Structures are given as structure tokens and as C-alpha cells.
N, C-alpha and C. Protein backbone atom coordinates (compact mmCIF):
# COMPACT_ATOMS: atom_id res chain seq x y z
N MET A 1 0.84 -1.18 0.00
CA MET A 1 0.00 0.00 0.00
C MET A 1 0.88 1.25 0.00
N ILE A 2 0.52 2.20 -0.78
CA ILE A 2 1.29 3.44 -0.88
C ILE A 2 0.88 4.39 0.24
N LYS A 3 1.90 4.93 0.93
CA LYS A 3 1.66 5.88 2.01
C LYS A 3 2.44 7.16 1.72
N PRO A 4 1.82 8.12 1.05
CA PRO A 4 2.52 9.37 0.74
C PRO A 4 2.96 10.09 2.01
N ASN A 5 4.18 10.63 1.98
CA ASN A 5 4.68 11.30 3.18
C ASN A 5 4.82 12.81 3.03
N ASN A 6 4.32 13.36 1.92
CA ASN A 6 4.31 14.81 1.78
C ASN A 6 3.13 15.22 0.91
N ILE A 7 2.85 16.50 0.86
CA ILE A 7 1.66 17.00 0.15
C ILE A 7 1.75 16.72 -1.35
N TYR A 8 2.96 16.85 -1.92
CA TYR A 8 3.13 16.56 -3.34
C TYR A 8 2.73 15.12 -3.65
N ALA A 9 3.23 14.19 -2.85
CA ALA A 9 2.93 12.78 -3.07
C ALA A 9 1.44 12.49 -2.86
N LYS A 10 0.84 13.13 -1.86
CA LYS A 10 -0.60 12.95 -1.62
C LYS A 10 -1.40 13.43 -2.82
N HIS A 11 -1.05 14.58 -3.35
CA HIS A 11 -1.76 15.12 -4.52
C HIS A 11 -1.55 14.25 -5.75
N LYS A 12 -0.35 13.74 -5.92
CA LYS A 12 -0.06 12.87 -7.05
C LYS A 12 -0.90 11.59 -6.98
N LEU A 13 -0.96 10.99 -5.82
CA LEU A 13 -1.76 9.78 -5.62
C LEU A 13 -3.25 10.07 -5.85
N GLU A 14 -3.70 11.21 -5.35
CA GLU A 14 -5.10 11.61 -5.56
C GLU A 14 -5.38 11.80 -7.05
N MET A 15 -4.46 12.42 -7.78
CA MET A 15 -4.63 12.62 -9.21
C MET A 15 -4.75 11.28 -9.93
N GLU A 16 -3.89 10.34 -9.57
CA GLU A 16 -3.94 9.02 -10.21
C GLU A 16 -5.30 8.36 -9.98
N GLN A 17 -5.81 8.46 -8.75
CA GLN A 17 -7.11 7.85 -8.46
C GLN A 17 -8.23 8.55 -9.21
N ARG A 18 -8.16 9.87 -9.32
CA ARG A 18 -9.19 10.61 -10.07
C ARG A 18 -9.19 10.20 -11.54
N VAL A 19 -8.00 10.06 -12.11
CA VAL A 19 -7.90 9.63 -13.51
C VAL A 19 -8.53 8.25 -13.66
N LEU A 20 -8.20 7.33 -12.77
CA LEU A 20 -8.74 5.97 -12.86
C LEU A 20 -10.24 5.94 -12.61
N ASP A 21 -10.76 6.85 -11.81
CA ASP A 21 -12.20 6.93 -11.60
C ASP A 21 -12.91 7.33 -12.90
N ILE A 22 -12.28 8.20 -13.68
CA ILE A 22 -12.87 8.67 -14.93
C ILE A 22 -12.60 7.70 -16.08
N VAL A 23 -11.36 7.22 -16.15
CA VAL A 23 -10.94 6.31 -17.24
C VAL A 23 -10.24 5.11 -16.60
N PRO A 24 -10.99 4.09 -16.21
CA PRO A 24 -10.40 2.95 -15.50
C PRO A 24 -9.29 2.23 -16.26
N GLU A 25 -9.29 2.31 -17.57
CA GLU A 25 -8.25 1.63 -18.35
C GLU A 25 -7.00 2.49 -18.58
N ALA A 26 -6.97 3.69 -17.98
CA ALA A 26 -5.80 4.56 -18.13
C ALA A 26 -4.57 3.90 -17.49
N VAL A 27 -3.43 4.09 -18.13
CA VAL A 27 -2.16 3.58 -17.61
C VAL A 27 -1.26 4.78 -17.33
N MET A 28 -0.80 4.86 -16.09
CA MET A 28 0.10 5.94 -15.70
C MET A 28 1.42 5.34 -15.24
N LEU A 29 2.50 5.91 -15.73
CA LEU A 29 3.84 5.41 -15.39
C LEU A 29 4.53 6.38 -14.45
N ARG A 30 5.00 5.87 -13.34
CA ARG A 30 5.79 6.66 -12.41
C ARG A 30 7.25 6.41 -12.77
N ALA A 31 7.78 7.27 -13.59
CA ALA A 31 9.13 7.07 -14.13
C ALA A 31 10.20 7.57 -13.16
N GLU A 32 11.33 6.93 -13.22
CA GLU A 32 12.49 7.32 -12.43
C GLU A 32 13.39 8.21 -13.28
N TRP A 33 14.50 8.66 -12.69
CA TRP A 33 15.48 9.39 -13.49
C TRP A 33 15.84 8.54 -14.69
N MET A 34 15.92 9.17 -15.84
CA MET A 34 16.34 8.46 -17.04
C MET A 34 17.61 9.12 -17.57
N TYR A 35 18.41 8.32 -18.26
CA TYR A 35 19.68 8.82 -18.78
C TYR A 35 20.00 8.14 -20.10
N ASP A 36 20.89 8.77 -20.82
CA ASP A 36 21.49 8.22 -22.03
C ASP A 36 22.72 9.08 -22.32
N TYR A 37 23.50 8.65 -23.27
CA TYR A 37 24.63 9.46 -23.72
C TYR A 37 24.05 10.50 -24.67
N TYR A 38 23.83 11.68 -24.15
CA TYR A 38 23.15 12.73 -24.91
C TYR A 38 23.83 14.05 -24.60
N LEU A 39 24.44 14.63 -25.61
CA LEU A 39 25.28 15.81 -25.40
C LEU A 39 24.51 17.11 -25.20
N LYS A 40 23.26 17.18 -25.65
CA LYS A 40 22.54 18.45 -25.63
C LYS A 40 21.84 18.75 -24.32
N LYS A 41 21.65 17.75 -23.48
CA LYS A 41 20.94 17.97 -22.22
C LYS A 41 21.60 17.14 -21.13
N THR A 42 21.75 17.74 -19.96
CA THR A 42 22.41 17.00 -18.89
C THR A 42 21.47 15.95 -18.29
N ASN A 43 22.06 14.91 -17.80
CA ASN A 43 21.36 13.87 -17.06
C ASN A 43 22.41 13.19 -16.20
N TYR A 44 22.01 12.27 -15.36
CA TYR A 44 22.95 11.62 -14.44
C TYR A 44 24.17 11.09 -15.18
N PHE A 45 23.95 10.32 -16.22
CA PHE A 45 25.03 9.69 -16.98
C PHE A 45 26.01 10.75 -17.50
N MET A 46 25.49 11.78 -18.14
CA MET A 46 26.35 12.81 -18.72
C MET A 46 27.04 13.64 -17.63
N ASN A 47 26.38 13.86 -16.50
CA ASN A 47 27.03 14.58 -15.40
C ASN A 47 28.27 13.83 -14.93
N ILE A 48 28.18 12.50 -14.85
CA ILE A 48 29.32 11.69 -14.43
C ILE A 48 30.40 11.71 -15.51
N ILE A 49 30.01 11.52 -16.75
CA ILE A 49 30.96 11.51 -17.87
C ILE A 49 31.72 12.84 -17.93
N ASN A 50 31.01 13.95 -17.73
CA ASN A 50 31.61 15.28 -17.88
C ASN A 50 32.31 15.81 -16.63
N ALA A 51 32.11 15.18 -15.49
CA ALA A 51 32.73 15.66 -14.25
C ALA A 51 34.25 15.58 -14.35
N THR A 52 34.93 16.58 -13.81
CA THR A 52 36.39 16.61 -13.90
C THR A 52 37.10 16.43 -12.57
N GLU A 53 36.48 16.84 -11.47
CA GLU A 53 37.14 16.74 -10.17
C GLU A 53 36.36 15.91 -9.16
N PHE A 54 35.07 16.19 -9.04
CA PHE A 54 34.26 15.48 -8.05
C PHE A 54 32.78 15.57 -8.42
N VAL A 55 32.00 14.68 -7.82
CA VAL A 55 30.54 14.73 -7.89
C VAL A 55 30.02 14.52 -6.47
N CYS A 56 28.81 14.96 -6.21
CA CYS A 56 28.21 14.84 -4.87
C CYS A 56 26.90 14.07 -4.95
N PHE A 57 26.83 12.98 -4.21
CA PHE A 57 25.60 12.20 -4.09
C PHE A 57 25.54 11.66 -2.67
N SER A 58 24.34 11.42 -2.19
CA SER A 58 24.16 10.98 -0.82
C SER A 58 24.24 9.47 -0.67
N SER A 59 24.91 9.05 0.38
CA SER A 59 24.96 7.62 0.72
C SER A 59 23.67 7.19 1.43
N ARG A 60 22.78 8.14 1.66
CA ARG A 60 21.51 7.83 2.32
C ARG A 60 20.31 8.09 1.42
N GLN A 61 20.58 8.30 0.13
CA GLN A 61 19.47 8.49 -0.82
C GLN A 61 19.40 7.29 -1.74
N TYR A 62 18.22 6.73 -1.83
CA TYR A 62 17.99 5.56 -2.67
C TYR A 62 16.99 5.93 -3.75
N ARG A 63 17.35 5.60 -4.99
CA ARG A 63 16.46 5.89 -6.11
C ARG A 63 16.90 5.06 -7.29
N GLY A 64 15.98 4.77 -8.15
CA GLY A 64 16.31 4.09 -9.38
C GLY A 64 16.74 5.10 -10.43
N ILE A 65 17.60 4.68 -11.30
CA ILE A 65 17.97 5.46 -12.47
C ILE A 65 17.93 4.49 -13.64
N THR A 66 17.36 4.92 -14.75
CA THR A 66 17.00 4.00 -15.82
C THR A 66 17.55 4.45 -17.16
N TYR A 67 18.15 3.50 -17.88
CA TYR A 67 18.65 3.72 -19.24
C TYR A 67 17.44 3.91 -20.15
N VAL A 68 17.36 5.05 -20.82
CA VAL A 68 16.20 5.38 -21.64
C VAL A 68 15.97 4.36 -22.76
N LYS A 69 17.03 3.70 -23.22
CA LYS A 69 16.88 2.66 -24.24
C LYS A 69 15.99 1.54 -23.72
N GLU A 70 16.13 1.18 -22.44
CA GLU A 70 15.30 0.13 -21.86
C GLU A 70 13.85 0.60 -21.70
N VAL A 71 13.65 1.88 -21.45
CA VAL A 71 12.29 2.43 -21.40
C VAL A 71 11.64 2.23 -22.77
N ALA A 72 12.35 2.62 -23.83
CA ALA A 72 11.82 2.47 -25.19
C ALA A 72 11.52 1.01 -25.51
N GLU A 73 12.41 0.12 -25.09
CA GLU A 73 12.22 -1.31 -25.38
C GLU A 73 10.99 -1.88 -24.67
N ASN A 74 10.57 -1.26 -23.60
CA ASN A 74 9.41 -1.75 -22.84
C ASN A 74 8.09 -1.09 -23.23
N MET A 75 8.11 -0.07 -24.07
CA MET A 75 6.89 0.67 -24.35
C MET A 75 5.81 -0.16 -25.04
N GLU A 76 6.19 -1.09 -25.88
CA GLU A 76 5.17 -1.91 -26.54
C GLU A 76 4.37 -2.72 -25.51
N LYS A 77 5.03 -3.17 -24.46
CA LYS A 77 4.35 -3.91 -23.40
C LYS A 77 3.42 -3.00 -22.60
N VAL A 78 3.77 -1.73 -22.48
CA VAL A 78 2.95 -0.78 -21.72
C VAL A 78 1.57 -0.66 -22.35
N ILE A 79 1.50 -0.71 -23.66
CA ILE A 79 0.23 -0.57 -24.37
C ILE A 79 -0.77 -1.63 -23.91
N HIS A 80 -0.28 -2.77 -23.49
CA HIS A 80 -1.15 -3.89 -23.12
C HIS A 80 -1.41 -3.99 -21.62
N LEU A 81 -0.90 -3.05 -20.84
CA LEU A 81 -1.11 -3.10 -19.39
C LEU A 81 -2.57 -2.81 -19.05
N PRO A 82 -3.10 -3.48 -18.03
CA PRO A 82 -4.42 -3.08 -17.54
C PRO A 82 -4.32 -1.72 -16.85
N GLY A 83 -5.43 -1.03 -16.76
CA GLY A 83 -5.44 0.29 -16.14
C GLY A 83 -4.82 0.29 -14.75
N GLY A 84 -4.11 1.35 -14.45
CA GLY A 84 -3.49 1.49 -13.14
C GLY A 84 -2.26 2.35 -13.21
N ALA A 85 -1.65 2.55 -12.06
CA ALA A 85 -0.39 3.30 -11.97
C ALA A 85 0.72 2.30 -11.72
N TYR A 86 1.82 2.47 -12.43
CA TYR A 86 2.93 1.53 -12.37
C TYR A 86 4.24 2.26 -12.11
N ASN A 87 5.00 1.79 -11.14
CA ASN A 87 6.38 2.25 -10.98
C ASN A 87 7.15 1.65 -12.14
N PHE A 88 7.94 2.47 -12.82
CA PHE A 88 8.48 2.09 -14.12
C PHE A 88 9.94 2.46 -14.21
N GLY A 89 10.83 1.48 -14.09
CA GLY A 89 12.25 1.75 -14.23
C GLY A 89 13.11 0.74 -13.51
N SER A 90 14.38 1.02 -13.48
CA SER A 90 15.37 0.14 -12.85
C SER A 90 15.31 0.26 -11.34
N GLU A 91 15.51 -0.87 -10.69
CA GLU A 91 15.53 -0.89 -9.23
C GLU A 91 16.97 -1.09 -8.75
N THR A 92 17.18 -0.79 -7.50
CA THR A 92 18.47 -1.02 -6.86
C THR A 92 18.28 -1.05 -5.36
N ALA A 93 19.15 -1.76 -4.69
CA ALA A 93 19.17 -1.75 -3.22
C ALA A 93 20.31 -0.87 -2.73
N LYS A 94 21.02 -0.23 -3.65
CA LYS A 94 22.19 0.59 -3.30
C LYS A 94 21.83 2.06 -3.33
N SER A 95 22.59 2.84 -2.57
CA SER A 95 22.41 4.29 -2.57
C SER A 95 22.96 4.86 -3.87
N ILE A 96 22.53 6.06 -4.19
CA ILE A 96 23.02 6.72 -5.40
C ILE A 96 24.53 6.98 -5.27
N TYR A 97 25.01 7.16 -4.06
CA TYR A 97 26.45 7.31 -3.80
C TYR A 97 27.19 6.03 -4.19
N GLU A 98 26.68 4.87 -3.74
CA GLU A 98 27.31 3.59 -4.07
C GLU A 98 27.26 3.31 -5.57
N ILE A 99 26.12 3.59 -6.18
CA ILE A 99 25.97 3.38 -7.62
C ILE A 99 26.99 4.22 -8.38
N THR A 100 27.14 5.47 -7.96
CA THR A 100 28.08 6.38 -8.64
C THR A 100 29.51 5.87 -8.51
N LYS A 101 29.90 5.44 -7.32
CA LYS A 101 31.26 4.91 -7.14
C LYS A 101 31.49 3.70 -8.05
N GLU A 102 30.51 2.80 -8.13
CA GLU A 102 30.63 1.64 -9.01
C GLU A 102 30.74 2.05 -10.47
N PHE A 103 29.90 3.00 -10.87
CA PHE A 103 29.90 3.45 -12.26
C PHE A 103 31.24 4.07 -12.63
N LEU A 104 31.79 4.88 -11.75
CA LEU A 104 33.10 5.48 -12.02
C LEU A 104 34.16 4.39 -12.20
N ASN A 105 34.09 3.35 -11.41
CA ASN A 105 35.01 2.23 -11.54
C ASN A 105 34.83 1.52 -12.88
N ILE A 106 33.59 1.31 -13.28
CA ILE A 106 33.28 0.63 -14.54
C ILE A 106 33.86 1.38 -15.74
N ILE A 107 33.77 2.71 -15.70
CA ILE A 107 34.27 3.49 -16.84
C ILE A 107 35.72 3.95 -16.64
N GLY A 108 36.33 3.57 -15.53
CA GLY A 108 37.73 3.89 -15.30
C GLY A 108 37.99 5.37 -15.08
N LYS A 109 37.06 6.04 -14.46
CA LYS A 109 37.20 7.47 -14.21
C LYS A 109 37.59 7.69 -12.76
N ASP A 110 38.65 8.47 -12.54
CA ASP A 110 39.17 8.67 -11.19
C ASP A 110 38.85 10.08 -10.71
N ILE A 111 37.65 10.25 -10.18
CA ILE A 111 37.28 11.52 -9.54
C ILE A 111 36.69 11.19 -8.18
N LYS A 112 36.61 12.19 -7.34
CA LYS A 112 36.12 12.00 -5.97
C LYS A 112 34.59 12.02 -5.95
N VAL A 113 34.01 11.14 -5.12
CA VAL A 113 32.57 11.17 -4.87
C VAL A 113 32.38 11.66 -3.44
N GLU A 114 31.80 12.84 -3.31
CA GLU A 114 31.55 13.41 -1.99
C GLU A 114 30.16 13.00 -1.52
N ASP A 115 30.06 12.72 -0.23
CA ASP A 115 28.78 12.33 0.36
C ASP A 115 27.97 13.58 0.66
N ALA A 116 26.86 13.74 -0.02
CA ALA A 116 26.01 14.91 0.14
C ALA A 116 24.91 14.64 1.16
N ASN A 117 24.24 15.71 1.57
CA ASN A 117 23.08 15.54 2.43
C ASN A 117 22.02 14.76 1.68
N PRO A 118 21.29 13.92 2.39
CA PRO A 118 20.28 13.11 1.69
C PRO A 118 19.12 13.97 1.21
N GLY A 119 18.65 13.64 0.04
CA GLY A 119 17.42 14.25 -0.46
C GLY A 119 16.28 13.35 0.00
N HIS A 120 15.41 13.08 -0.88
CA HIS A 120 14.29 12.20 -0.58
C HIS A 120 14.66 10.76 -0.89
N ASN A 121 14.04 9.84 -0.18
CA ASN A 121 14.18 8.43 -0.53
C ASN A 121 13.16 8.16 -1.63
N LEU A 122 13.64 7.97 -2.84
CA LEU A 122 12.76 7.81 -4.00
C LEU A 122 12.79 6.40 -4.57
N TRP A 123 13.17 5.44 -3.73
CA TRP A 123 13.20 4.06 -4.18
C TRP A 123 11.78 3.63 -4.51
N MET A 124 11.62 2.92 -5.63
CA MET A 124 10.30 2.45 -6.04
C MET A 124 10.34 0.94 -6.26
N ASP A 125 9.29 0.28 -5.84
CA ASP A 125 9.11 -1.15 -6.07
C ASP A 125 8.39 -1.31 -7.40
N CYS A 126 9.03 -1.93 -8.37
CA CYS A 126 8.48 -2.06 -9.72
C CYS A 126 7.87 -3.44 -9.97
N GLU A 127 7.55 -4.16 -8.92
CA GLU A 127 7.03 -5.52 -9.03
C GLU A 127 5.74 -5.59 -9.84
N LYS A 128 4.86 -4.62 -9.69
CA LYS A 128 3.58 -4.64 -10.40
C LYS A 128 3.79 -4.68 -11.91
N ALA A 129 4.71 -3.87 -12.43
CA ALA A 129 5.00 -3.87 -13.87
C ALA A 129 5.68 -5.17 -14.29
N LYS A 130 6.54 -5.70 -13.42
CA LYS A 130 7.24 -6.96 -13.74
C LYS A 130 6.26 -8.10 -13.99
N LYS A 131 5.14 -8.09 -13.30
CA LYS A 131 4.14 -9.15 -13.46
C LYS A 131 3.60 -9.21 -14.88
N TYR A 132 3.77 -8.14 -15.63
CA TYR A 132 3.28 -8.07 -17.01
C TYR A 132 4.42 -8.13 -18.02
N GLY A 133 5.56 -8.64 -17.60
CA GLY A 133 6.68 -8.86 -18.51
C GLY A 133 7.55 -7.66 -18.76
N ILE A 134 7.36 -6.59 -18.01
CA ILE A 134 8.19 -5.40 -18.18
C ILE A 134 9.44 -5.59 -17.33
N LYS A 135 10.58 -5.59 -18.00
CA LYS A 135 11.84 -5.89 -17.31
C LYS A 135 12.85 -4.79 -17.58
N PHE A 136 13.54 -4.42 -16.54
CA PHE A 136 14.64 -3.48 -16.62
C PHE A 136 15.86 -4.11 -15.97
N SER A 137 17.03 -3.71 -16.43
CA SER A 137 18.26 -4.09 -15.73
C SER A 137 18.26 -3.40 -14.38
N SER A 138 19.09 -3.88 -13.47
CA SER A 138 19.29 -3.12 -12.22
C SER A 138 19.89 -1.77 -12.61
N ALA A 139 19.81 -0.82 -11.72
CA ALA A 139 20.39 0.50 -12.01
C ALA A 139 21.86 0.36 -12.39
N GLU A 140 22.59 -0.50 -11.67
CA GLU A 140 24.02 -0.67 -11.94
C GLU A 140 24.26 -1.31 -13.31
N ASP A 141 23.50 -2.36 -13.62
CA ASP A 141 23.68 -3.04 -14.91
C ASP A 141 23.25 -2.17 -16.08
N GLY A 142 22.23 -1.34 -15.88
CA GLY A 142 21.81 -0.41 -16.93
C GLY A 142 22.91 0.58 -17.27
N LEU A 143 23.59 1.10 -16.25
CA LEU A 143 24.70 2.02 -16.49
C LEU A 143 25.82 1.32 -17.25
N ARG A 144 26.11 0.09 -16.85
CA ARG A 144 27.15 -0.69 -17.54
C ARG A 144 26.75 -0.90 -19.01
N LYS A 145 25.49 -1.23 -19.24
CA LYS A 145 25.00 -1.47 -20.60
C LYS A 145 25.11 -0.19 -21.45
N CYS A 146 24.70 0.93 -20.89
CA CYS A 146 24.78 2.20 -21.62
C CYS A 146 26.23 2.56 -21.93
N ALA A 147 27.10 2.41 -20.95
CA ALA A 147 28.52 2.70 -21.18
C ALA A 147 29.08 1.78 -22.26
N GLY A 148 28.68 0.52 -22.25
CA GLY A 148 29.13 -0.42 -23.29
C GLY A 148 28.59 -0.05 -24.66
N ASP A 149 27.34 0.37 -24.72
CA ASP A 149 26.74 0.77 -26.00
C ASP A 149 27.49 1.92 -26.64
N TYR A 150 28.12 2.76 -25.82
CA TYR A 150 28.85 3.92 -26.34
C TYR A 150 30.37 3.76 -26.20
N ASN A 151 30.82 2.52 -26.04
CA ASN A 151 32.26 2.22 -25.96
C ASN A 151 32.98 3.03 -24.89
N LEU A 152 32.37 3.13 -23.72
CA LEU A 152 32.97 3.90 -22.63
C LEU A 152 33.46 3.02 -21.49
N LEU A 153 33.40 1.70 -21.65
CA LEU A 153 33.86 0.81 -20.59
C LEU A 153 35.37 0.85 -20.47
N HIS A 154 35.86 0.72 -19.26
CA HIS A 154 37.30 0.76 -18.99
C HIS A 154 37.91 -0.58 -19.32
């Protein structure tokens, strides 16, 4: 059961229920941070690639980050989902700080990762979407896959 802990989350949950009351077959995706190797707009992946001295992420913040290619690969399955709201993206049990340290190691980049103050805990359980065949790599494996797709592995 979802228990919103702030007004934004309460309003978002209320909006989802109102939509489903009007259009029960509506499908809403709760997307996580998405990234790709994209030079025109910053995202997590590009921030790490472009960092020169250090990056700051919290060891107490948990959130999924998702390779946009995997989002695209799953969209055909989304069309067939029954109405409802779905957490949609890569999962992880690691903090964004831990993920970043691993990613830097994978791409062979030697910069400092500073531990920042925690933001919100944005970890999402994507089990509901998985039941319908929607699969994502873990956050860590997605980063590895994206780096490999662009020949950035160390």
C-alpha cells in the first residue's frame, strides 16, 4: 500500500485515483530518473561523464535510475497493461552514492565522490509492472550497458 509522506505525493496519488475513476483503463507510469549518452541535455550519466574533479551524491538516498533505451524497449508492453499506476524503471538496493562509485570504476574514471546531504528516498518497487513482462536491468547493470553501447567501458 502506498503511504505518501508529503503533500506533493498525496496530490499525485489523488490525481492518479481521479484519472482511474474517470478512465479505469488509463495507464500511468511513475518514471524514475532516465539517462542516455546525450550531449545536448544533462542527465545523471552525462554529469558523471563530464565531471572533472568530483561529484556529490548521498549515501543515504535511494532511487532508481533508468537507461532510456530500456524504457523504449518496454513501451510496446505498456500498451497492453491493464489500467493502473505503475512504478516504471530500474531498481536497486544501493544508494546513489554507491551506484556512482561503481559506475566510475566501470568506466575507469578517477574523480572524488563526496557524500552529500540526503534528499528524498525515491526508491520504487516495480514488481507490479514486472508481473506483465516489463523488465529493466538493475540500475548498476543499466549504467554498464549504456557505457558499453557507447564504448565507454574501462
